[in-house]
Amino acid sequence: MFSLFKKEKNYAEPFRMKKELRLLPGYLLLLLWIFFTVVLLGWVLIASFSTTKEIFANKLLSSGFHFENYEKAWVNSDVSTIFFNSLFYSLLSVCLLILVCAPAAYALSRFEFFGNKLMQHSFVASMGVPVVMIVLPLFALVAGLDILNNVTANKLTLIFLYVGINVPYTTIFLMGFFANISRAFEEAAAIDGCPPGKTFWLIMLPMAQPGIITVSIFNFINVWNEYFISLIFGNSDKVRSVAVGLYSMINSMKYTGDWAGMFASVIIVFLPTFILYLFLSERIIAGVTGGGVKG
């Protein structure tokens, strides 16, 4: 049986010229997009190691590599502050979202109770509500509590908003994974005397790992790149995220003219999401296209 599965795994579909020719326009568009992306990112990377004079003269790296651009961006431009702010927001928000949404998704997908369908439809409907429609009432509420002048309270407010905004998407995403896991695992656990809560944490949650990893990566990127909420509620440089911080740097370029430092800042901010995609791309694809054992 093992050899049979091995043969099926190594099976390759025969090459068909007509099929490949029909897919040729798609291949060309994909190659064009990849080429444009690589050239664009490559130019920004090279510019980050050049001087501002070389950038405007279109003579990148003519005087060698200038690693001091990254040191100036990290220290003088205060990139370190916005970097660790966004890292703190993203990691804590991702953890809280899993703690909140995974049990909710499991309960909604596995148990029938009064209001189940209404809650599911409410989550789906809330995903279609633009953030701009709720941000002003939220700001009025937060401003009335007078917590925006405290740095710690301001950061916790941003995390609370990031978690609340991403709860519907995360819950709906995880529901699909829990729904596809066979009920035989829960029945076997019940026979062994395992209560439902323990069954979820010890059996069902680990089995939904592909979905949890995938949605966590998406949530991390969403929070990392978030701009509007941070702009409205982050009223201090000590609490702003990388998106707002970079926008402020771009505006300050008209006075400082340190374009090399700005490109170095862009690379620093871009690295976390790039590393995630580089090392976890297979898990992302498996999480989107796969799931649990179908029951």
Protein backbone atom coordinates (compact mmCIF):
# COMPACT_ATOMS: atom_id res chain seq x y z
CA MET A 1 0.00 0.00 0.00
CA PHE A 2 2.88 2.33 0.78
CA SER A 3 4.41 1.71 -2.63
CA LEU A 4 1.06 2.45 -4.23
CA PHE A 5 0.84 5.86 -2.51
CA LYS A 6 4.44 6.54 -3.45
CA LYS A 7 3.73 5.87 -7.11
CA GLU A 8 0.70 8.14 -7.03
CA LYS A 9 2.75 10.90 -5.44
CA ASN A 10 5.41 10.71 -8.13
CA TYR A 11 2.88 10.58 -10.96
CA ALA A 12 3.34 13.42 -13.43
CA GLU A 13 0.75 14.53 -15.94
CA PRO A 14 1.99 14.08 -19.51
CA PHE A 15 2.96 17.18 -21.42
CA ARG A 16 0.21 18.41 -23.75
CA MET A 17 1.18 21.12 -26.21
CA LYS A 18 -2.38 22.36 -26.87
CA LYS A 19 -3.09 22.78 -23.17
CA GLU A 20 0.17 24.62 -22.57
CA LEU A 21 -0.47 26.94 -25.51
CA ARG A 22 -3.85 27.87 -24.06
CA LEU A 23 -2.13 28.73 -20.78
CA LEU A 24 0.65 30.69 -22.49
CA PRO A 25 -1.00 34.17 -22.08
CA GLY A 26 -1.35 33.53 -18.37
CA TYR A 27 2.28 32.45 -18.12
CA LEU A 28 3.41 35.59 -19.94
CA LEU A 29 1.40 37.87 -17.64
CA LEU A 30 2.77 36.05 -14.59
CA LEU A 31 6.35 36.36 -15.84
CA LEU A 32 5.82 40.05 -16.60
CA TRP A 33 4.47 40.66 -13.09
CA ILE A 34 7.38 38.75 -11.51
CA PHE A 35 9.90 40.68 -13.60
CA PHE A 36 8.36 44.03 -12.65
CA THR A 37 8.28 43.12 -8.94
CA VAL A 38 11.87 41.86 -8.89
CA VAL A 39 13.17 44.91 -10.75
CA LEU A 40 11.28 47.31 -8.49
CA LEU A 41 12.36 45.67 -5.24
CA GLY A 42 15.89 45.23 -6.54
CA TRP A 43 16.17 48.91 -7.37
CA VAL A 44 14.91 49.91 -3.90
CA LEU A 45 17.41 47.51 -2.29
CA ILE A 46 20.33 48.88 -4.30
CA ALA A 47 19.23 52.46 -3.64
CA SER A 48 19.22 51.76 0.10
CA PHE A 49 22.97 51.07 -0.09
CA SER A 50 23.71 54.16 -2.21
CA THR A 51 23.89 57.83 -1.39
CA THR A 52 21.19 60.40 -2.14
CA LYS A 53 23.45 62.06 -4.71
CA GLU A 54 23.97 58.74 -6.52
CA ILE A 55 20.22 58.10 -6.56
CA PHE A 56 19.46 61.39 -8.31
CA ALA A 57 22.42 60.97 -10.66
CA ASN A 58 21.28 57.42 -11.51
CA LYS A 59 24.71 56.07 -10.56
CA LEU A 60 23.76 53.60 -7.86
CA LEU A 61 26.59 52.05 -5.82
CA SER A 62 29.23 54.05 -7.71
CA SER A 63 30.99 54.75 -4.40
CA GLY A 64 30.39 51.32 -2.90
CA PHE A 65 27.97 50.03 -0.31
CA HIS A 66 26.86 52.46 2.38
CA PHE A 67 25.68 50.33 5.30
CA GLU A 68 25.50 53.45 7.45
CA ASN A 69 22.18 54.23 5.75
CA TYR A 70 20.58 51.45 7.78
CA GLU A 71 22.22 52.63 10.99
CA LYS A 72 20.97 56.18 10.43
CA ALA A 73 17.48 54.96 9.55
CA TRP A 74 17.32 52.69 12.61
CA VAL A 75 18.63 55.27 15.10
CA ASN A 76 18.23 58.80 13.74
CA SER A 77 14.97 58.32 11.85
CA ASP A 78 13.47 56.39 14.77
CA VAL A 79 12.64 53.36 12.64
CA SER A 80 13.40 51.14 15.64
CA THR A 81 10.45 52.62 17.56
CA ILE A 82 7.84 52.14 14.85
CA PHE A 83 9.30 48.72 13.97
CA PHE A 84 8.94 47.35 17.50
CA ASN A 85 5.55 49.03 17.88
CA SER A 86 4.20 47.20 14.83
CA LEU A 87 5.90 43.97 15.89
CA PHE A 88 4.24 44.25 19.31
CA TYR A 89 0.83 45.04 17.79
CA SER A 90 1.05 42.25 15.22
CA LEU A 91 2.27 39.44 17.48
CA LEU A 92 -0.07 40.19 20.36
CA SER A 93 -3.06 40.70 18.05
CA VAL A 94 -2.39 37.40 16.28
CA CYS A 95 -2.20 35.50 19.58
CA LEU A 96 -5.37 37.09 20.94
CA LEU A 97 -7.24 36.45 17.69
CA ILE A 98 -6.45 32.73 17.85
CA LEU A 99 -7.44 32.53 21.53
CA VAL A 100 -10.76 34.26 20.80
CA CYS A 101 -11.67 33.01 17.32
CA ALA A 102 -10.54 29.37 17.40
CA PRO A 103 -12.99 28.31 20.16
CA ALA A 104 -15.75 30.40 18.56
CA ALA A 105 -15.13 28.86 15.13
CA TYR A 106 -15.08 25.37 16.62
CA ALA A 107 -18.36 25.88 18.46
CA LEU A 108 -20.10 27.45 15.46
CA SER A 109 -18.96 24.73 13.05
CA ARG A 110 -19.46 21.63 15.24
CA PHE A 111 -22.49 22.29 17.46
CA GLU A 112 -26.09 23.11 16.68
CA PHE A 113 -27.64 25.64 19.06
CA PHE A 114 -30.11 28.51 18.99
CA GLY A 115 -28.64 31.52 17.17
CA ASN A 116 -25.85 29.59 15.47
CA LYS A 117 -26.80 30.55 11.93
CA LEU A 118 -27.57 34.11 13.01
CA MET A 119 -24.07 34.48 14.48
CA GLN A 120 -22.47 33.06 11.34
CA HIS A 121 -24.43 35.43 9.11
CA SER A 122 -23.56 38.32 11.42
CA PHE A 123 -19.85 37.57 11.09
CA VAL A 124 -20.13 37.42 7.30
CA ALA A 125 -22.13 40.65 7.17
CA SER A 126 -19.69 42.48 9.45
CA MET A 127 -16.84 41.65 7.05
CA GLY A 128 -18.54 43.91 4.49
CA VAL A 129 -18.65 46.95 6.78
CA PRO A 130 -15.91 49.46 5.85
CA VAL A 131 -13.66 50.56 8.70
CA VAL A 132 -14.28 54.21 7.83
CA MET A 133 -17.93 53.79 8.87
CA ILE A 134 -17.08 52.77 12.44
CA VAL A 135 -13.85 54.63 13.12
CA LEU A 136 -15.44 57.98 13.98
CA PRO A 137 -17.89 56.56 16.56
CA LEU A 138 -15.05 54.51 18.02
CA PHE A 139 -12.81 57.56 18.21
CA ALA A 140 -15.54 59.54 19.98
CA LEU A 141 -15.93 56.72 22.49
CA VAL A 142 -12.19 56.36 23.10
CA ALA A 143 -11.67 60.11 23.32
CA GLY A 144 -14.46 60.29 25.89
CA LEU A 145 -12.61 57.77 28.06
CA ASP A 146 -9.54 60.06 27.98
CA ILE A 147 -7.04 57.24 27.46
CA LEU A 148 -5.27 58.47 24.34
CA ASN A 149 -2.86 60.62 26.34
CA ASN A 150 -1.41 57.56 28.06
CA VAL A 151 1.11 55.65 25.92
CA THR A 152 0.37 52.21 27.41
CA ALA A 153 -3.40 52.69 27.23
CA ASN A 154 -3.06 54.00 23.67
CA LYS A 155 -1.16 50.89 22.59
CA LEU A 156 -3.68 48.58 24.25
CA THR A 157 -6.48 50.48 22.51
CA LEU A 158 -4.88 49.88 19.14
CA ILE A 159 -4.48 46.17 19.88
CA PHE A 160 -8.12 45.96 21.00
CA LEU A 161 -9.22 47.60 17.74
CA TYR A 162 -7.00 45.37 15.59
CA VAL A 163 -8.39 42.27 17.28
CA GLY A 164 -12.00 43.41 17.05
CA ILE A 165 -11.78 44.32 13.38
CA ASN A 166 -10.20 40.98 12.40
CA VAL A 167 -12.42 38.70 14.51
CA PRO A 168 -15.09 38.11 11.79
CA TYR A 169 -12.57 37.19 9.08
CA THR A 170 -10.54 34.93 11.38
CA THR A 171 -13.61 33.13 12.72
CA ILE A 172 -15.09 32.47 9.28
CA PHE A 173 -11.72 31.28 7.98
CA LEU A 174 -11.21 28.79 10.83
CA MET A 175 -14.78 27.51 10.64
CA GLY A 176 -13.99 25.90 7.30
CA PHE A 177 -11.11 23.92 8.80
CA PHE A 178 -13.01 22.72 11.85
CA ALA A 179 -15.99 21.75 9.70
CA ASN A 180 -13.82 19.47 7.56
CA ILE A 181 -12.27 17.53 10.45
CA SER A 182 -13.85 14.12 10.94
CA ARG A 183 -16.16 13.76 13.93
CA ALA A 184 -14.60 10.35 14.59
CA PHE A 185 -11.87 12.06 16.59
CA GLU A 186 -14.37 13.68 18.94
CA GLU A 187 -16.33 10.43 19.28
CA ALA A 188 -13.17 8.51 20.16
CA ALA A 189 -12.22 11.16 22.71
CA ALA A 190 -15.72 11.03 24.25
CA ILE A 191 -15.49 7.25 24.56
CA ASP A 192 -12.20 7.69 26.45
CA GLY A 193 -13.93 10.13 28.81
CA CYS A 194 -12.38 13.33 27.47
CA PRO A 195 -14.67 16.38 28.02
CA PRO A 196 -15.48 18.65 25.03
CA GLY A 197 -13.28 21.50 26.23
CA LYS A 198 -10.25 19.27 26.63
CA THR A 199 -11.01 17.61 23.30
CA PHE A 200 -10.84 20.98 21.59
CA TRP A 201 -7.51 22.07 23.11
CA LEU A 202 -5.72 18.71 22.89
CA ILE A 203 -7.11 17.22 19.67
CA MET A 204 -9.08 19.59 17.47
CA LEU A 205 -6.92 22.70 17.77
CA PRO A 206 -3.67 20.90 16.76
CA MET A 207 -5.48 19.29 13.82
CA ALA A 208 -6.49 22.74 12.56
CA GLN A 209 -2.84 23.84 12.59
CA PRO A 210 -2.62 24.54 8.81
CA GLY A 211 -5.56 26.93 9.01
CA ILE A 212 -4.30 28.56 12.21
CA ILE A 213 -0.86 29.18 10.72
CA THR A 214 -2.32 30.57 7.49
CA VAL A 215 -4.80 32.93 9.11
CA SER A 216 -2.16 34.03 11.63
CA ILE A 217 0.17 35.01 8.79
CA PHE A 218 -2.60 36.94 7.04
CA ASN A 219 -3.55 38.70 10.28
CA PHE A 220 0.09 39.53 11.01
CA ILE A 221 0.47 41.14 7.59
CA ASN A 222 -2.85 43.00 7.91
CA VAL A 223 -1.91 44.49 11.28
CA TRP A 224 1.67 45.18 10.18
CA ASN A 225 0.55 47.13 7.11
CA GLU A 226 -2.48 48.79 8.76
CA TYR A 227 -2.52 52.55 8.30
CA PHE A 228 -5.93 54.12 8.91
CA ILE A 229 -6.56 52.96 12.50
CA SER A 230 -3.01 53.80 13.55
CA LEU A 231 -3.28 57.25 11.97
CA ILE A 232 -6.51 58.08 13.82
CA PHE A 233 -5.82 56.56 17.23
CA GLY A 234 -2.02 56.76 17.38
CA ASN A 235 -1.67 60.39 18.38
CA SER A 236 1.95 60.06 19.52
CA ASP A 237 5.20 59.12 17.79
CA LYS A 238 5.76 56.55 20.55
CA VAL A 239 2.74 54.46 19.52
CA ARG A 240 2.65 54.83 15.73
CA SER A 241 3.07 51.85 13.44
CA VAL A 242 5.40 51.40 10.47
CA ALA A 243 2.81 52.51 7.89
CA VAL A 244 2.20 55.87 9.55
CA GLY A 245 5.88 56.23 10.40
CA LEU A 246 6.97 55.71 6.80
CA TYR A 247 4.39 58.19 5.58
CA SER A 248 5.79 60.77 8.00
CA MET A 249 9.31 60.05 6.73
CA ILE A 250 8.24 60.59 3.14
CA ASN A 251 6.72 63.94 4.09
CA SER A 252 9.91 64.92 5.90
CA MET A 253 12.04 64.19 2.81
CA LYS A 254 11.22 67.67 1.47
CA TYR A 255 13.16 69.10 4.43
CA THR A 256 15.89 66.50 5.07
CA GLY A 257 16.49 65.13 1.57
CA ASP A 258 17.82 61.80 2.92
CA TRP A 259 16.34 59.56 0.26
CA ALA A 260 18.93 56.84 0.81
CA GLY A 261 17.89 56.63 4.45
CA MET A 262 14.24 56.46 3.44
CA PHE A 263 14.87 53.51 1.11
CA ALA A 264 16.80 51.81 3.91
CA SER A 265 13.77 52.33 6.16
CA VAL A 266 11.51 50.78 3.50
CA ILE A 267 13.71 47.68 3.35
CA ILE A 268 13.73 47.34 7.14
CA VAL A 269 9.94 47.58 7.28
CA PHE A 270 9.54 45.19 4.35
CA LEU A 271 11.75 42.45 5.83
CA PRO A 272 9.31 40.81 8.31
CA THR A 273 6.58 40.15 5.75
CA PHE A 274 9.15 39.06 3.16
CA ILE A 275 10.67 36.56 5.59
CA LEU A 276 7.21 35.20 6.41
CA TYR A 277 6.43 34.56 2.76
CA LEU A 278 9.92 33.22 2.07
CA PHE A 279 9.92 30.54 4.76
CA LEU A 280 6.18 29.86 5.17
CA SER A 281 4.91 30.06 1.58
CA GLU A 282 4.25 26.31 1.43
CA ARG A 283 2.27 26.44 4.66
CA ILE A 284 0.24 29.39 3.34
CA ILE A 285 -0.65 27.50 0.17
CA ALA A 286 -1.45 24.32 2.12
CA GLY A 287 -3.63 26.28 4.53
CA VAL A 288 -5.60 27.99 1.76
CA THR A 289 -6.09 24.94 -0.46
CA GLY A 290 -6.20 22.20 2.17
CA GLY A 291 -7.88 21.45 5.44
CA GLY A 292 -8.55 18.71 7.89
CA VAL A 293 -9.64 15.14 7.27
CA LYS A 294 -13.10 15.26 5.74
CA GLY A 295 -15.77 13.45 7.68
